[in-house]
Amino acid sequence: MVRMGTFLMATLFLNFITTLSHLHFTASRLTGLTLPVIHRDSPESPLYPGNLTQLERLLRMIKYSDARAAYLEAISAPNATIAYDKKIVLSMLRDSLFYIVKVGIGTPPVFMFLLLDTGSGLIWSQCKPCKKCYKQKMPMYDSLASTTYRKLPCNHPLCAGDKKIYECVNQQCVYDVSYGAGDVSTRGVSSLESFTVGLNDKPYVIQNLVFGCSDDTEIPVFEERGVLSGIMGFSLSPDSIVSQLSDQTGKRFSYCFPPFTQEVNFPRFVKFGNDIPKPPGVLPTTKFVAPPPGMFNYYLKLTDISVGSTLLGLQPGLFDIRQDGSGGFFIDSGTVISQIDQTTVGRNAYKAVMEAFQNHYDYFGYERIKGEVGEGFQLCYKNRPGILLKMTYHFEDYFYIVDSKYVHFHNEEQGYFCIALRPGNGRSILGAWFQQNKRIIYDMNLNVLQYYDEQCANDAPPP
């Protein structure tokens, strides 16, 4: 079997989606869909850690964010020849994903929990009959017991032709996907199956969804509680649920994060197509740019940054994707804390941003806390009355304003605040902390990201 990362191309999604347009992945009536997502620390989660204080919850989110940043850095290193420590890769995978979806697979459906990953494409679950599977307390899907299971044929576009991402071996379309350097992986038969998704009172059956029937999986961290069955990919890859639903849902999906300082059991939804709320007038819009080879993240053209009302005047091209695949700026809901690249050629972008914040707060007499505090942020001050700064990302065709209350991390228990930014090692990321109380819309039909302010705690399913 061949690993996906060796032959995926930068513009695969944009070209491939037209190839798939004639295929009926879902029932023809589907025009909108609302998919509930579960925060891993919420009471509804199978990984619920018990009752935590607000600060404990936020610190756990920061830990997840740091793990995801390290994981993304590890798997996307240019021309990577890194010798990974298996335990480190396992830990990063376990801690880097914090949203869960509940789905039913097959007919009759077997319900299970999958981790949602915005950085990968394949939808997969452990699948009987198994060659090598980790122990599951939750029911395991059995392909022999489902009346709607079919193997993906070898002549399918995902398995044949110049843009294939699976391989035909012994007359079976198979996949071998690794997370890291290959020590953490899942293998099996590329398949077609019915998925029951959506709200409990309004379930929807997606027919003929391409997914991985994994009968050989080496992800022992999933075995810790035995409640996770696999992963649902949400990236630009042509086998992700986003791509597979694109023709039926107008190639659009959206979410809206309520403030993370509020309770984790606020409802959270990913909405597709006509289920996306009608926007209030003309929306701020910026175009996606093609990702580097082997990456399926949602890259944007960032040209400059403002701290407060001060435009930093960063040189053109500072956040462009480099020839070796590093650099670039993308939005990622799985990374909580945003990053600014500190390896930019010429001026250090992260340092320039942090110096602008420091100059303001030092000038107005805020008392700085020296050294890194518990959250690991590099610039923190004791609380006092005053004006906190907003931050603005300037894109090629519009701008994105982060309100001051979301630029900072507040530790009210100990009386200080920090600039909620991390230094990036080779790339910059717009994380979920900077997306709070914003409606974020991914429109692949127009190839743009759209966004506007919204009270996301009020987000609800369509009537």
Protein backbone atom coordinates (compact mmCIF):
# COMPACT_ATOMS: atom_id res chain seq x y z
CA MET A 1 0.00 0.00 0.00
CA VAL A 2 1.09 3.55 -0.64
CA ARG A 3 0.98 6.39 1.91
CA MET A 4 -1.25 9.28 0.90
CA GLY A 5 1.25 12.06 1.55
CA THR A 6 3.62 10.89 -1.18
CA PHE A 7 1.40 11.77 -4.09
CA LEU A 8 -1.13 14.39 -3.00
CA MET A 9 -0.90 17.61 -5.02
CA ALA A 10 -1.49 21.17 -3.91
CA THR A 11 -4.50 21.83 -6.08
CA LEU A 12 -5.96 18.34 -5.90
CA PHE A 13 -9.23 19.37 -4.31
CA LEU A 14 -10.04 22.15 -6.77
CA ASN A 15 -9.41 19.92 -9.78
CA PHE A 16 -10.85 16.76 -8.31
CA ILE A 17 -14.20 18.18 -7.26
CA THR A 18 -15.27 18.52 -10.89
CA THR A 19 -14.35 14.87 -11.48
CA LEU A 20 -16.63 13.81 -8.64
CA SER A 21 -19.59 15.96 -9.70
CA HIS A 22 -21.39 13.11 -11.47
CA LEU A 23 -21.24 10.79 -8.46
CA HIS A 24 -24.21 10.57 -6.09
CA PHE A 25 -22.69 10.52 -2.61
CA THR A 26 -25.93 11.53 -0.90
CA ALA A 27 -29.63 11.47 -1.43
CA SER A 28 -30.63 13.94 -4.13
CA ARG A 29 -32.85 15.99 -1.81
CA LEU A 30 -30.00 17.05 0.46
CA THR A 31 -29.44 20.80 0.22
CA GLY A 32 -28.62 21.56 3.84
CA LEU A 33 -27.34 19.66 6.84
CA THR A 34 -26.65 20.48 10.49
CA LEU A 35 -24.05 18.32 12.20
CA PRO A 36 -23.80 18.67 16.01
CA VAL A 37 -20.26 18.59 17.36
CA ILE A 38 -19.29 17.77 20.93
CA HIS A 39 -16.46 19.43 22.84
CA ARG A 40 -14.35 16.64 24.30
CA ASP A 41 -14.58 18.15 27.81
CA SER A 42 -18.36 18.65 27.78
CA PRO A 43 -20.71 16.40 29.79
CA GLU A 44 -21.99 14.92 26.50
CA SER A 45 -18.51 13.75 25.55
CA PRO A 46 -17.37 10.14 26.00
CA LEU A 47 -14.06 11.67 27.16
CA TYR A 48 -15.66 13.93 29.78
CA PRO A 49 -12.99 14.59 32.44
CA GLY A 50 -15.48 15.47 35.19
CA ASN A 51 -16.42 18.83 36.65
CA LEU A 52 -13.64 21.36 36.02
CA THR A 53 -13.25 25.01 36.90
CA GLN A 54 -13.31 27.53 34.07
CA LEU A 55 -9.54 28.01 34.35
CA GLU A 56 -8.90 24.25 34.29
CA ARG A 57 -11.00 23.93 31.14
CA LEU A 58 -9.16 26.77 29.42
CA LEU A 59 -5.76 25.39 30.37
CA ARG A 60 -6.75 22.03 28.89
CA MET A 61 -7.77 23.77 25.67
CA ILE A 62 -4.39 25.46 25.50
CA LYS A 63 -2.73 22.08 25.99
CA TYR A 64 -4.77 20.67 23.09
CA SER A 65 -3.79 23.65 20.95
CA ASP A 66 -0.07 23.26 21.66
CA ALA A 67 -0.28 19.55 20.89
CA ARG A 68 -2.00 20.24 17.58
CA ALA A 69 0.55 22.88 16.61
CA ALA A 70 3.37 20.44 17.34
CA TYR A 71 1.57 17.71 15.40
CA LEU A 72 0.99 19.92 12.35
CA GLU A 73 4.61 21.00 12.46
CA ALA A 74 5.79 17.39 12.64
CA ILE A 75 3.70 16.00 9.79
CA SER A 76 4.24 18.94 7.42
CA ALA A 77 7.97 19.58 7.84
CA PRO A 78 9.45 20.31 4.37
CA ASN A 79 11.17 17.23 2.94
CA ALA A 80 10.78 15.67 6.37
CA THR A 81 13.38 13.13 7.41
CA ILE A 82 12.63 13.52 11.09
CA ALA A 83 13.02 10.50 13.34
CA TYR A 84 9.88 10.72 15.44
CA ASP A 85 9.55 9.32 18.91
CA LYS A 86 6.47 7.09 18.74
CA LYS A 87 5.25 8.09 22.20
CA ILE A 88 5.48 11.78 21.30
CA VAL A 89 3.50 11.29 18.08
CA LEU A 90 0.85 9.30 19.95
CA SER A 91 0.56 11.99 22.59
CA MET A 92 0.27 14.75 19.99
CA LEU A 93 -2.45 12.89 18.09
CA ARG A 94 -4.43 12.18 21.25
CA ASP A 95 -4.27 15.75 22.54
CA SER A 96 -4.55 17.66 19.26
CA LEU A 97 -8.22 16.95 18.52
CA PHE A 98 -10.96 18.26 20.79
CA TYR A 99 -14.20 18.02 18.82
CA ILE A 100 -16.20 14.80 18.52
CA VAL A 101 -19.09 13.79 16.25
CA LYS A 102 -21.57 10.98 16.78
CA VAL A 103 -22.52 9.04 13.66
CA GLY A 104 -24.36 5.87 12.76
CA ILE A 105 -22.63 3.67 10.19
CA GLY A 106 -24.39 1.01 8.12
CA THR A 107 -27.89 -0.44 7.90
CA PRO A 108 -29.04 -0.96 10.57
CA PRO A 109 -26.81 1.86 11.89
CA VAL A 110 -24.19 1.22 14.56
CA PHE A 111 -23.64 4.47 16.46
CA MET A 112 -20.15 5.54 17.47
CA PHE A 113 -17.95 8.53 18.22
CA LEU A 114 -15.37 9.89 15.76
CA LEU A 115 -12.84 12.64 16.40
CA LEU A 116 -13.25 15.59 14.03
CA ASP A 117 -10.01 16.58 12.30
CA THR A 118 -9.87 19.70 10.11
CA GLY A 119 -6.36 18.74 8.97
CA SER A 120 -7.12 15.34 7.42
CA GLY A 121 -9.51 13.97 4.84
CA LEU A 122 -10.26 10.29 5.29
CA ILE A 123 -13.39 9.30 7.22
CA TRP A 124 -12.57 6.00 8.90
CA SER A 125 -13.76 3.67 11.60
CA GLN A 126 -12.55 0.36 12.96
CA CYS A 127 -14.32 -2.34 11.04
CA LYS A 128 -15.05 -6.03 11.52
CA PRO A 129 -13.78 -8.48 10.49
CA CYS A 130 -10.52 -7.17 11.99
CA LYS A 131 -6.95 -8.21 11.36
CA LYS A 132 -5.45 -5.90 13.99
CA CYS A 133 -7.72 -3.54 15.94
CA TYR A 134 -7.47 -1.81 19.29
CA LYS A 135 -9.99 -2.77 21.96
CA GLN A 136 -13.30 -0.92 21.84
CA LYS A 137 -15.89 -0.70 24.60
CA MET A 138 -18.28 0.89 22.15
CA PRO A 139 -19.89 -1.36 19.51
CA MET A 140 -17.67 -1.95 16.51
CA TYR A 141 -19.08 -1.61 13.01
CA ASP A 142 -19.36 -4.95 11.20
CA SER A 143 -19.35 -4.65 7.41
CA LEU A 144 -20.82 -8.16 7.07
CA ALA A 145 -23.86 -7.16 9.14
CA SER A 146 -24.78 -4.11 7.04
CA THR A 147 -27.08 -4.38 4.05
CA THR A 148 -25.70 -1.19 2.47
CA TYR A 149 -21.95 -1.90 2.65
CA ARG A 150 -20.00 -2.00 -0.61
CA LYS A 151 -16.32 -1.94 -1.42
CA LEU A 152 -15.13 1.01 -3.50
CA PRO A 153 -14.34 -0.32 -6.99
CA CYS A 154 -10.82 -0.02 -8.28
CA ASN A 155 -12.00 2.06 -11.24
CA HIS A 156 -13.40 4.77 -8.95
CA PRO A 157 -11.71 8.19 -9.47
CA LEU A 158 -10.32 8.06 -5.92
CA CYS A 159 -8.52 4.82 -6.78
CA ALA A 160 -7.64 5.20 -10.46
CA GLY A 161 -6.13 7.86 -12.70
CA ASP A 162 -3.64 10.66 -12.22
CA LYS A 163 -5.43 12.14 -9.20
CA LYS A 164 -6.01 8.98 -7.22
CA ILE A 165 -5.33 8.99 -3.50
CA TYR A 166 -5.87 5.27 -2.85
CA GLU A 167 -4.28 2.22 -4.47
CA CYS A 168 -5.71 -0.89 -6.11
CA VAL A 169 -4.04 -3.98 -4.60
CA ASN A 170 -5.22 -7.52 -5.36
CA GLN A 171 -8.39 -6.12 -6.95
CA GLN A 172 -9.26 -4.10 -3.85
CA CYS A 173 -9.10 -0.31 -3.42
CA VAL A 174 -7.06 0.16 -0.26
CA TYR A 175 -5.61 3.00 1.81
CA ASP A 176 -2.73 3.33 4.26
CA VAL A 177 -2.89 6.63 6.15
CA SER A 178 -0.26 7.55 8.71
CA TYR A 179 -0.41 10.25 11.37
CA GLY A 180 3.19 11.30 11.89
CA ALA A 181 6.04 9.19 10.53
CA GLY A 182 4.08 5.98 10.10
CA ASP A 183 4.08 4.60 13.63
CA VAL A 184 0.50 5.82 14.09
CA SER A 185 -1.60 4.63 11.18
CA THR A 186 -4.75 3.02 9.90
CA ARG A 187 -5.15 0.70 6.95
CA GLY A 188 -8.06 -1.00 5.29
CA VAL A 189 -10.45 -1.21 2.35
CA SER A 190 -11.88 1.95 0.80
CA SER A 191 -15.62 1.49 0.99
CA LEU A 192 -19.07 2.96 0.45
CA GLU A 193 -21.66 3.02 3.21
CA SER A 194 -24.71 4.81 4.59
CA PHE A 195 -24.04 7.26 7.43
CA THR A 196 -26.75 8.48 9.79
CA VAL A 197 -25.85 11.99 10.93
CA GLY A 198 -27.45 15.19 12.15
CA LEU A 199 -29.77 16.02 15.00
CA ASN A 200 -31.47 13.37 17.13
CA ASP A 201 -34.93 14.56 16.09
CA LYS A 202 -33.91 15.18 12.47
CA PRO A 203 -31.48 12.44 11.46
CA TYR A 204 -30.33 12.29 7.86
CA VAL A 205 -28.95 9.27 6.04
CA ILE A 206 -26.08 10.03 3.68
CA GLN A 207 -25.94 7.24 1.14
CA ASN A 208 -22.78 5.92 -0.51
CA LEU A 209 -20.34 7.95 1.57
CA VAL A 210 -16.73 7.00 0.88
CA PHE A 211 -15.07 5.89 4.10
CA GLY A 212 -12.26 3.71 5.36
CA CYS A 213 -13.22 0.30 6.72
CA SER A 214 -10.12 -0.01 8.92
CA ASP A 215 -9.17 -3.56 9.84
CA ASP A 216 -5.54 -2.81 10.76
CA THR A 217 -5.02 0.17 13.07
CA GLU A 218 -2.09 1.25 15.25
CA ILE A 219 -3.47 4.09 17.37
CA PRO A 220 -3.24 2.75 20.92
CA VAL A 221 -4.21 6.07 22.53
CA PHE A 222 -7.76 5.49 21.23
CA GLU A 223 -7.81 2.37 23.38
CA GLU A 224 -7.48 4.30 26.66
CA ARG A 225 -11.24 4.40 27.21
CA GLY A 226 -12.32 2.40 24.20
CA VAL A 227 -14.96 4.95 23.24
CA LEU A 228 -13.49 6.38 20.01
CA SER A 229 -13.90 4.44 16.79
CA GLY A 230 -12.01 6.62 14.32
CA ILE A 231 -11.70 10.04 12.70
CA MET A 232 -13.90 12.20 10.46
CA GLY A 233 -11.80 14.35 8.11
CA PHE A 234 -12.88 17.93 7.40
CA SER A 235 -10.03 19.16 5.20
CA LEU A 236 -9.85 20.06 1.50
CA SER A 237 -8.93 16.47 0.62
CA PRO A 238 -11.39 14.96 -1.88
CA ASP A 239 -12.36 12.13 0.49
CA SER A 240 -13.35 14.41 3.41
CA ILE A 241 -17.00 14.82 4.35
CA VAL A 242 -16.77 18.48 3.29
CA SER A 243 -15.69 17.53 -0.23
CA GLN A 244 -18.10 14.64 -0.59
CA LEU A 245 -21.10 16.77 0.35
CA SER A 246 -19.96 19.75 -1.70
CA ASP A 247 -22.18 19.34 -4.77
CA GLN A 248 -25.30 18.75 -2.71
CA THR A 249 -24.67 21.63 -0.31
CA GLY A 250 -23.37 24.28 -2.70
CA LYS A 251 -19.77 23.61 -1.59
CA ARG A 252 -20.40 25.60 1.60
CA PHE A 253 -20.07 24.86 5.31
CA SER A 254 -20.00 27.04 8.41
CA TYR A 255 -19.61 27.13 12.18
CA CYS A 256 -19.85 29.68 15.00
CA PHE A 257 -17.85 29.27 18.24
CA PRO A 258 -19.41 30.66 21.41
CA PRO A 259 -16.89 32.23 23.82
CA PHE A 260 -14.65 29.58 25.34
CA THR A 261 -14.94 31.25 28.74
CA GLN A 262 -18.57 30.18 28.81
CA GLU A 263 -19.79 26.68 29.55
CA VAL A 264 -18.57 23.94 27.21
CA ASN A 265 -22.06 22.48 26.88
CA PHE A 266 -23.26 25.35 24.68
CA PRO A 267 -24.49 23.77 21.43
CA ARG A 268 -22.00 23.72 18.59
CA PHE A 269 -22.91 22.91 15.01
CA VAL A 270 -21.28 22.56 11.64
CA LYS A 271 -23.85 23.69 9.08
CA PHE A 272 -23.81 22.85 5.38
CA GLY A 273 -25.50 24.46 2.41
CA ASN A 274 -28.96 25.91 2.98
CA ASP A 275 -28.74 25.34 6.75
CA ILE A 276 -26.20 28.18 6.98
CA PRO A 277 -27.98 31.30 8.32
CA LYS A 278 -28.70 33.98 5.77
CA PRO A 279 -25.98 36.62 6.19
CA PRO A 280 -26.78 40.23 7.13
CA GLY A 281 -25.93 42.04 3.91
CA VAL A 282 -22.61 41.98 2.08
CA LEU A 283 -20.02 39.88 3.90
CA PRO A 284 -16.30 40.47 4.46
CA THR A 285 -14.67 38.03 2.06
CA THR A 286 -11.16 36.87 1.29
CA LYS A 287 -9.95 34.30 -1.23
CA PHE A 288 -8.35 30.96 -0.46
CA VAL A 289 -4.97 30.23 -2.01
CA ALA A 290 -3.77 26.81 -3.16
CA PRO A 291 -2.03 24.88 -0.36
CA PRO A 292 1.46 23.42 -0.77
CA PRO A 293 1.80 19.80 -1.98
CA GLY A 294 0.54 17.25 0.51
CA MET A 295 -1.36 19.83 2.60
CA PHE A 296 -5.13 20.35 2.61
CA ASN A 297 -5.48 23.23 5.03
CA TYR A 298 -7.42 26.39 4.20
CA TYR A 299 -4.72 28.93 3.26
CA LEU A 300 -5.33 32.68 2.95
CA LYS A 301 -3.31 35.57 1.53
CA LEU A 302 -2.15 37.57 4.56
CA THR A 303 -0.35 40.81 3.67
CA ASP A 304 0.03 42.71 6.97
CA ILE A 305 -1.06 42.97 10.61
CA SER A 306 -2.28 45.86 12.77
CA VAL A 307 -1.98 45.99 16.55
CA GLY A 308 -4.53 48.49 17.78
CA SER A 309 -4.47 51.27 15.20
CA THR A 310 -0.80 50.68 14.30
CA LEU A 311 -0.14 49.04 10.96
CA LEU A 312 3.12 47.11 11.29
CA GLY A 313 4.15 47.59 7.67
CA LEU A 314 5.45 44.04 7.19
CA GLN A 315 7.19 43.49 3.87
CA PRO A 316 5.16 42.05 0.99
CA GLY A 317 5.29 38.28 0.66
CA LEU A 318 6.29 37.68 4.28
CA PHE A 319 3.42 35.22 4.78
CA ASP A 320 3.54 33.60 1.35
CA ILE A 321 4.05 29.85 0.98
CA ARG A 322 7.74 29.17 0.33
CA GLN A 323 9.16 26.87 -2.31
CA ASP A 324 9.90 24.16 0.26
CA GLY A 325 6.25 24.18 1.40
CA SER A 326 6.80 26.07 4.64
CA GLY A 327 5.39 29.49 5.42
CA GLY A 328 1.88 30.53 4.55
CA PHE A 329 -1.13 31.45 6.67
CA PHE A 330 -4.19 29.27 7.17
CA ILE A 331 -7.33 29.13 9.29
CA ASP A 332 -7.74 26.06 11.48
CA SER A 333 -10.55 25.45 13.96
CA GLY A 334 -8.58 22.61 15.55
CA THR A 335 -5.80 24.93 16.69
CA VAL A 336 -7.09 27.02 19.59
CA ILE A 337 -4.29 29.56 20.03
CA SER A 338 -3.26 31.49 16.91
CA GLN A 339 0.33 31.49 15.71
CA ILE A 340 2.51 34.05 13.97
CA ASP A 341 5.56 32.67 12.18
CA GLN A 342 8.86 33.55 13.85
CA THR A 343 10.98 32.12 11.03
CA THR A 344 9.95 34.64 8.38
CA VAL A 345 12.78 35.74 6.11
CA GLY A 346 13.96 39.22 7.05
CA ARG A 347 11.76 40.70 9.73
CA ASN A 348 10.56 38.34 12.47
CA ALA A 349 6.77 38.65 12.16
CA TYR A 350 5.96 37.19 15.59
CA LYS A 351 8.51 39.45 17.29
CA ALA A 352 7.14 42.50 15.47
CA VAL A 353 3.59 41.77 16.66
CA MET A 354 4.63 41.14 20.26
CA GLU A 355 6.80 44.26 20.38
CA ALA A 356 3.84 46.35 19.25
CA PHE A 357 1.72 44.99 22.12
CA GLN A 358 4.56 45.44 24.59
CA ASN A 359 5.25 49.02 23.54
CA HIS A 360 1.61 49.93 24.17
CA TYR A 361 1.23 48.28 27.58
CA ASP A 362 4.66 49.39 28.80
CA TYR A 363 3.92 52.96 27.76
CA PHE A 364 0.69 53.01 29.75
CA GLY A 365 2.35 51.61 32.85
CA TYR A 366 1.03 48.07 32.97
CA GLU A 367 3.11 45.86 35.28
CA ARG A 368 4.61 43.06 33.29
CA ILE A 369 4.91 39.53 34.67
CA LYS A 370 8.43 38.41 33.88
CA GLY A 371 9.04 35.04 32.29
CA GLU A 372 6.48 32.56 31.07
CA VAL A 373 3.51 31.95 33.32
CA GLY A 374 1.49 28.75 33.64
CA GLU A 375 -0.09 28.98 30.19
CA GLY A 376 3.29 29.45 28.51
CA PHE A 377 2.44 32.81 26.96
CA GLN A 378 5.39 35.12 26.50
CA LEU A 379 3.82 38.50 27.24
CA CYS A 380 1.60 38.91 30.32
CA TYR A 381 0.57 41.83 32.55
CA LYS A 382 -1.23 42.29 35.82
CA ASN A 383 -4.85 43.40 35.52
CA ARG A 384 -5.63 47.09 35.85
CA PRO A 385 -8.14 49.54 34.33
CA GLY A 386 -7.27 50.60 30.81
CA ILE A 387 -7.81 49.97 27.13
CA LEU A 388 -6.80 46.60 25.70
CA LEU A 389 -5.80 46.44 22.06
CA LYS A 390 -7.57 44.73 19.20
CA MET A 391 -5.69 43.06 16.37
CA THR A 392 -6.37 43.10 12.64
CA TYR A 393 -5.28 40.67 9.94
CA HIS A 394 -5.00 42.43 6.58
CA PHE A 395 -5.74 40.07 3.72
CA GLU A 396 -5.14 40.81 0.07
CA ASP A 397 -8.80 41.68 -0.49
CA TYR A 398 -10.22 42.48 2.98
CA PHE A 399 -9.40 42.52 6.69
CA TYR A 400 -10.33 40.45 9.75
CA ILE A 401 -10.67 42.20 13.13
CA VAL A 402 -10.11 40.31 16.38
CA ASP A 403 -11.87 42.10 19.24
CA SER A 404 -9.63 42.98 22.19
CA LYS A 405 -11.45 40.59 24.55
CA TYR A 406 -10.48 37.69 22.28
CA VAL A 407 -6.92 38.86 21.59
CA HIS A 408 -6.07 38.25 25.25
CA PHE A 409 -6.22 35.31 27.63
CA HIS A 410 -7.48 36.38 31.06
CA ASN A 411 -6.52 34.50 34.22
CA GLU A 412 -9.01 36.10 36.57
CA GLU A 413 -8.12 33.79 39.46
CA GLN A 414 -4.57 35.11 39.58
CA GLY A 415 -5.25 38.61 38.26
CA TYR A 416 -3.39 38.88 34.98
CA PHE A 417 -3.86 38.75 31.20
CA CYS A 418 -1.65 37.55 28.37
CA ILE A 419 -1.44 38.11 24.62
CA ALA A 420 -3.02 34.91 23.28
CA LEU A 421 -0.42 34.19 20.60
CA ARG A 422 2.19 31.52 20.06
CA PRO A 423 5.32 31.74 17.88
CA GLY A 424 4.99 29.61 14.77
CA ASN A 425 7.87 27.53 13.44
CA GLY A 426 7.37 27.78 9.71
CA ARG A 427 3.71 28.81 9.39
CA SER A 428 1.06 31.14 10.76
CA ILE A 429 -2.38 29.99 11.89
CA LEU A 430 -5.66 31.76 12.62
CA GLY A 431 -6.87 29.64 15.54
CA ALA A 432 -10.23 29.14 17.19
CA TRP A 433 -9.55 31.62 20.05
CA PHE A 434 -9.53 34.42 17.47
CA GLN A 435 -12.73 33.04 15.88
CA GLN A 436 -14.95 33.38 18.95
CA ASN A 437 -18.37 34.94 18.31
CA LYS A 438 -17.84 35.03 14.55
CA ARG A 439 -19.83 33.21 11.91
CA ILE A 440 -17.18 31.57 9.70
CA ILE A 441 -18.31 30.41 6.24
CA TYR A 442 -16.16 28.32 3.91
CA ASP A 443 -17.47 28.79 0.37
CA MET A 444 -15.66 26.49 -2.06
CA ASN A 445 -17.97 27.49 -4.90
CA LEU A 446 -16.55 31.02 -4.78
CA ASN A 447 -13.25 29.78 -3.29
CA VAL A 448 -13.51 32.28 -0.42
CA LEU A 449 -13.74 32.57 3.34
CA GLN A 450 -16.54 34.78 4.69
CA TYR A 451 -17.09 35.98 8.25
CA TYR A 452 -19.10 38.34 10.43
CA ASP A 453 -19.72 38.96 14.13
CA GLU A 454 -22.46 36.90 15.75
CA GLN A 455 -23.58 35.88 19.24
CA CYS A 456 -22.67 32.24 18.77
CA ALA A 457 -24.25 31.08 22.04
CA ASN A 458 -27.55 31.69 20.24
CA ASP A 459 -26.65 29.42 17.35
CA ALA A 460 -29.42 26.89 16.83
CA PRO A 461 -30.53 24.30 14.29
CA PRO A 462 -32.78 25.54 11.50
CA PRO A 463 -36.53 25.25 12.23
